């Protein structure tokens, strides 16, 4: 049985080496995949951060817009009050005028 020993040993060694290379190649592929996934996760994290800061900016813009709308509404209301007040004054003046005319007409009559 001695003569068949070394060749079989060499074949076993070759099989082991090939098997080791296959395993190493598989492991490398897994590691590459894991690295790709990790960088994808990192990219997604960056995108998320950007989206969050954009949302914050939009919220600020919205607050500003609401404030300026409220301010405009307030100015409009003030203007309407001023118009109403001046109309009321005009009406009062014309009532007084009419009363004076009526009084004058009565005096003359």
C-alpha atoms as a PDB file:
ATOM      1  CA  UNK A   1       0.000   0.000   0.000  1.00  0.00           C
ATOM      2  CA  UNK A   2       3.068   2.225   0.258  1.00  0.00           C
ATOM      3  CA  UNK A   3       3.481   2.909  -3.462  1.00  0.00           C
ATOM      4  CA  UNK A   4      -0.001   4.515  -3.765  1.00  0.00           C
ATOM      5  CA  UNK A   5       0.594   6.745  -0.703  1.00  0.00           C
ATOM      6  CA  UNK A   6       2.376   9.884  -1.936  1.00  0.00           C
ATOM      7  CA  UNK A   7       0.302  10.418  -5.140  1.00  0.00           C
ATOM      8  CA  UNK A   8      -2.910  10.174  -3.146  1.00  0.00           C
ATOM      9  CA  UNK A   9      -1.462  12.545  -0.557  1.00  0.00           C
ATOM     10  CA  UNK A  10      -0.592  14.998  -3.321  1.00  0.00           C
ATOM     11  CA  UNK A  11      -4.136  14.706  -4.777  1.00  0.00           C
ATOM     12  CA  UNK A  12      -5.633  15.273  -1.315  1.00  0.00           C
ATOM     13  CA  UNK A  13      -3.374  18.293  -0.850  1.00  0.00           C
ATOM     14  CA  UNK A  14      -4.419  19.679  -4.260  1.00  0.00           C
ATOM     15  CA  UNK A  15      -8.114  19.125  -3.410  1.00  0.00           C
ATOM     16  CA  UNK A  16      -7.624  20.884  -0.070  1.00  0.00           C
ATOM     17  CA  UNK A  17      -5.892  23.831  -1.766  1.00  0.00           C
ATOM     18  CA  UNK A  18      -8.624  24.127  -4.404  1.00  0.00           C
ATOM     19  CA  UNK A  19     -11.300  23.895  -1.743  1.00  0.00           C
ATOM     20  CA  UNK A  20      -9.459  26.549   0.305  1.00  0.00           C
ATOM     21  CA  UNK A  21      -9.248  28.850  -2.731  1.00  0.00           C
ATOM     22  CA  UNK A  22     -12.943  28.378  -3.448  1.00  0.00           C
ATOM     23  CA  UNK A  23     -13.779  29.189   0.177  1.00  0.00           C
ATOM     24  CA  UNK A  24     -11.485  32.224   0.131  1.00  0.00           C
ATOM     25  CA  UNK A  25     -13.073  33.451  -3.116  1.00  0.00           C
ATOM     26  CA  UNK A  26     -16.546  33.010  -1.602  1.00  0.00           C
ATOM     27  CA  UNK A  27     -15.471  34.865   1.523  1.00  0.00           C
ATOM     28  CA  UNK A  28     -14.014  37.704  -0.577  1.00  0.00           C
ATOM     29  CA  UNK A  29     -17.279  37.948  -2.518  1.00  0.00           C
ATOM     30  CA  UNK A  30     -19.245  38.122   0.757  1.00  0.00           C
ATOM     31  CA  UNK A  31     -16.900  40.792   2.111  1.00  0.00           C
ATOM     32  CA  UNK A  32     -17.223  42.840  -1.086  1.00  0.00           C
ATOM     33  CA  UNK A  33     -21.015  42.559  -0.869  1.00  0.00           C
ATOM     34  CA  UNK A  34     -20.944  43.605   2.796  1.00  0.00           C
ATOM     35  CA  UNK A  35     -18.734  46.596   1.928  1.00  0.00           C
ATOM     36  CA  UNK A  36     -21.111  47.604  -0.886  1.00  0.00           C
ATOM     37  CA  UNK A  37     -24.077  47.347   1.469  1.00  0.00           C
ATOM     38  CA  UNK A  38     -22.263  49.377   4.110  1.00  0.00           C
ATOM     39  CA  UNK A  39     -21.492  52.162   1.638  1.00  0.00           C
ATOM     40  CA  UNK A  40     -25.097  52.057   0.422  1.00  0.00           C
ATOM     41  CA  UNK A  41     -26.279  52.417   4.033  1.00  0.00           C
ATOM     42  CA  UNK A  42     -23.879  55.350   4.443  1.00  0.00           C
ATOM     43  CA  UNK A  43     -25.268  56.966   1.268  1.00  0.00           C
ATOM     44  CA  UNK A  44     -28.828  56.472   2.536  1.00  0.00           C
ATOM     45  CA  UNK A  45     -27.854  57.993   5.891  1.00  0.00           C
ATOM     46  CA  UNK A  46     -26.473  61.057   4.070  1.00  0.00           C
ATOM     47  CA  UNK A  47     -29.654  61.308   1.956  1.00  0.00           C
ATOM     48  CA  UNK A  48     -31.763  61.080   5.099  1.00  0.00           C
ATOM     49  CA  UNK A  49     -29.711  63.795   6.803  1.00  0.00           C
ATOM     50  CA  UNK A  50     -30.139  66.041   3.740  1.00  0.00           C
ATOM     51  CA  UNK A  51     -33.897  65.342   3.631  1.00  0.00           C
ATOM     52  CA  UNK A  52     -34.215  66.189   7.331  1.00  0.00           C
ATOM     53  CA  UNK A  53     -32.377  69.484   6.969  1.00  0.00           C
ATOM     54  CA  UNK A  54     -34.513  70.295   3.919  1.00  0.00           C
ATOM     55  CA  UNK A  55     -37.651  69.575   5.966  1.00  0.00           C
ATOM     56  CA  UNK A  56     -36.344  71.881   8.699  1.00  0.00           C
ATOM     57  CA  UNK A  57     -35.701  74.654   6.160  1.00  0.00           C
ATOM     58  CA  UNK A  58     -39.199  74.181   4.706  1.00  0.00           C
ATOM     59  CA  UNK A  59     -40.711  74.371   8.200  1.00  0.00           C
ATOM     60  CA  UNK A  60     -38.833  77.656   8.805  1.00  0.00           C
ATOM     61  CA  UNK A  61     -40.013  79.025   5.437  1.00  0.00           C
ATOM     62  CA  UNK A  62     -43.588  78.045   6.248  1.00  0.00           C
ATOM     63  CA  UNK A  63     -43.427  79.795   9.633  1.00  0.00           C
ATOM     64  CA  UNK A  64     -42.095  82.938   7.949  1.00  0.00           C
ATOM     65  CA  UNK A  65     -44.787  82.803   5.278  1.00  0.00           C
ATOM     66  CA  UNK A  66     -47.519  82.349   7.889  1.00  0.00           C
ATOM     67  CA  UNK A  67     -46.131  85.273   9.885  1.00  0.00           C
ATOM     68  CA  UNK A  68     -46.074  87.555   6.841  1.00  0.00           C
ATOM     69  CA  UNK A  69     -49.621  86.507   5.875  1.00  0.00           C
ATOM     70  CA  UNK A  70     -50.798  87.236   9.423  1.00  0.00           C
ATOM     71  CA  UNK A  71     -49.046  90.610   9.297  1.00  0.00           C
ATOM     72  CA  UNK A  72     -50.674  91.421   5.944  1.00  0.00           C
ATOM     73  CA  UNK A  73     -54.108  90.409   7.271  1.00  0.00           C
ATOM     74  CA  UNK A  74     -53.569  92.641  10.293  1.00  0.00           C
ATOM     75  CA  UNK A  75     -52.569  95.613   8.097  1.00  0.00           C
ATOM     76  CA  UNK A  76     -55.634  94.993   5.922  1.00  0.00           C
ATOM     77  CA  UNK A  77     -57.878  94.901   8.975  1.00  0.00           C
ATOM     78  CA  UNK A  78     -56.360  98.163  10.239  1.00  0.00           C
ATOM     79  CA  UNK A  79     -56.948  99.747   6.846  1.00  0.00           C
ATOM     80  CA  UNK A  80     -60.587  98.565   6.830  1.00  0.00           C
ATOM     81  CA  UNK A  81     -61.094  99.957  10.337  1.00  0.00           C
ATOM     82  CA  UNK A  82     -59.606 103.279   9.238  1.00  0.00           C
ATOM     83  CA  UNK A  83     -61.898 103.384   6.171  1.00  0.00           C
ATOM     84  CA  UNK A  84     -64.941 102.523   8.293  1.00  0.00           C
ATOM     85  CA  UNK A  85     -63.984 105.198  10.837  1.00  0.00           C
ATOM     86  CA  UNK A  86     -63.602 107.867   8.167  1.00  0.00           C
ATOM     87  CA  UNK A  87     -66.931 106.828   6.566  1.00  0.00           C
ATOM     88  CA  UNK A  88     -68.588 107.069   9.984  1.00  0.00           C
ATOM     89  CA  UNK A  89     -67.078 110.529  10.434  1.00  0.00           C
ATOM     90  CA  UNK A  90     -68.361 111.594   7.001  1.00  0.00           C
ATOM     91  CA  UNK A  91     -71.841 110.306   7.835  1.00  0.00           C
ATOM     92  CA  UNK A  92     -71.834 112.116  11.158  1.00  0.00           C
ATOM     93  CA  UNK A  93     -70.719 115.308   9.435  1.00  0.00           C
ATOM     94  CA  UNK A  94     -73.477 115.039   6.844  1.00  0.00           C
ATOM     95  CA  UNK A  95     -76.083 114.327   9.564  1.00  0.00           C
ATOM     96  CA  UNK A  96     -74.915 117.433  11.442  1.00  0.00           C
ATOM     97  CA  UNK A  97     -75.007 119.424   8.192  1.00  0.00           C
ATOM     98  CA  UNK A  98     -78.543 118.266   7.426  1.00  0.00           C
ATOM     99  CA  UNK A  99     -79.654 119.061  10.956  1.00  0.00           C
ATOM    100  CA  UNK A 100     -78.183 122.548  10.637  1.00  0.00           C
ATOM    101  CA  UNK A 101     -79.947 123.010   7.283  1.00  0.00           C
ATOM    102  CA  UNK A 102     -83.244 121.854   8.799  1.00  0.00           C
ATOM    103  CA  UNK A 103     -82.741 124.189  11.781  1.00  0.00           C
ATOM    104  CA  UNK A 104     -81.902 127.056   9.424  1.00  0.00           C
ATOM    105  CA  UNK A 105     -84.968 126.338   7.293  1.00  0.00           C
ATOM    106  CA  UNK A 106     -87.176 126.304  10.417  1.00  0.00           C
ATOM    107  CA  UNK A 107     -85.695 129.591  11.597  1.00  0.00           C
ATOM    108  CA  UNK A 108     -86.283 131.180   8.218  1.00  0.00           C
ATOM    109  CA  UNK A 109     -89.819 129.865   7.985  1.00  0.00           C
END
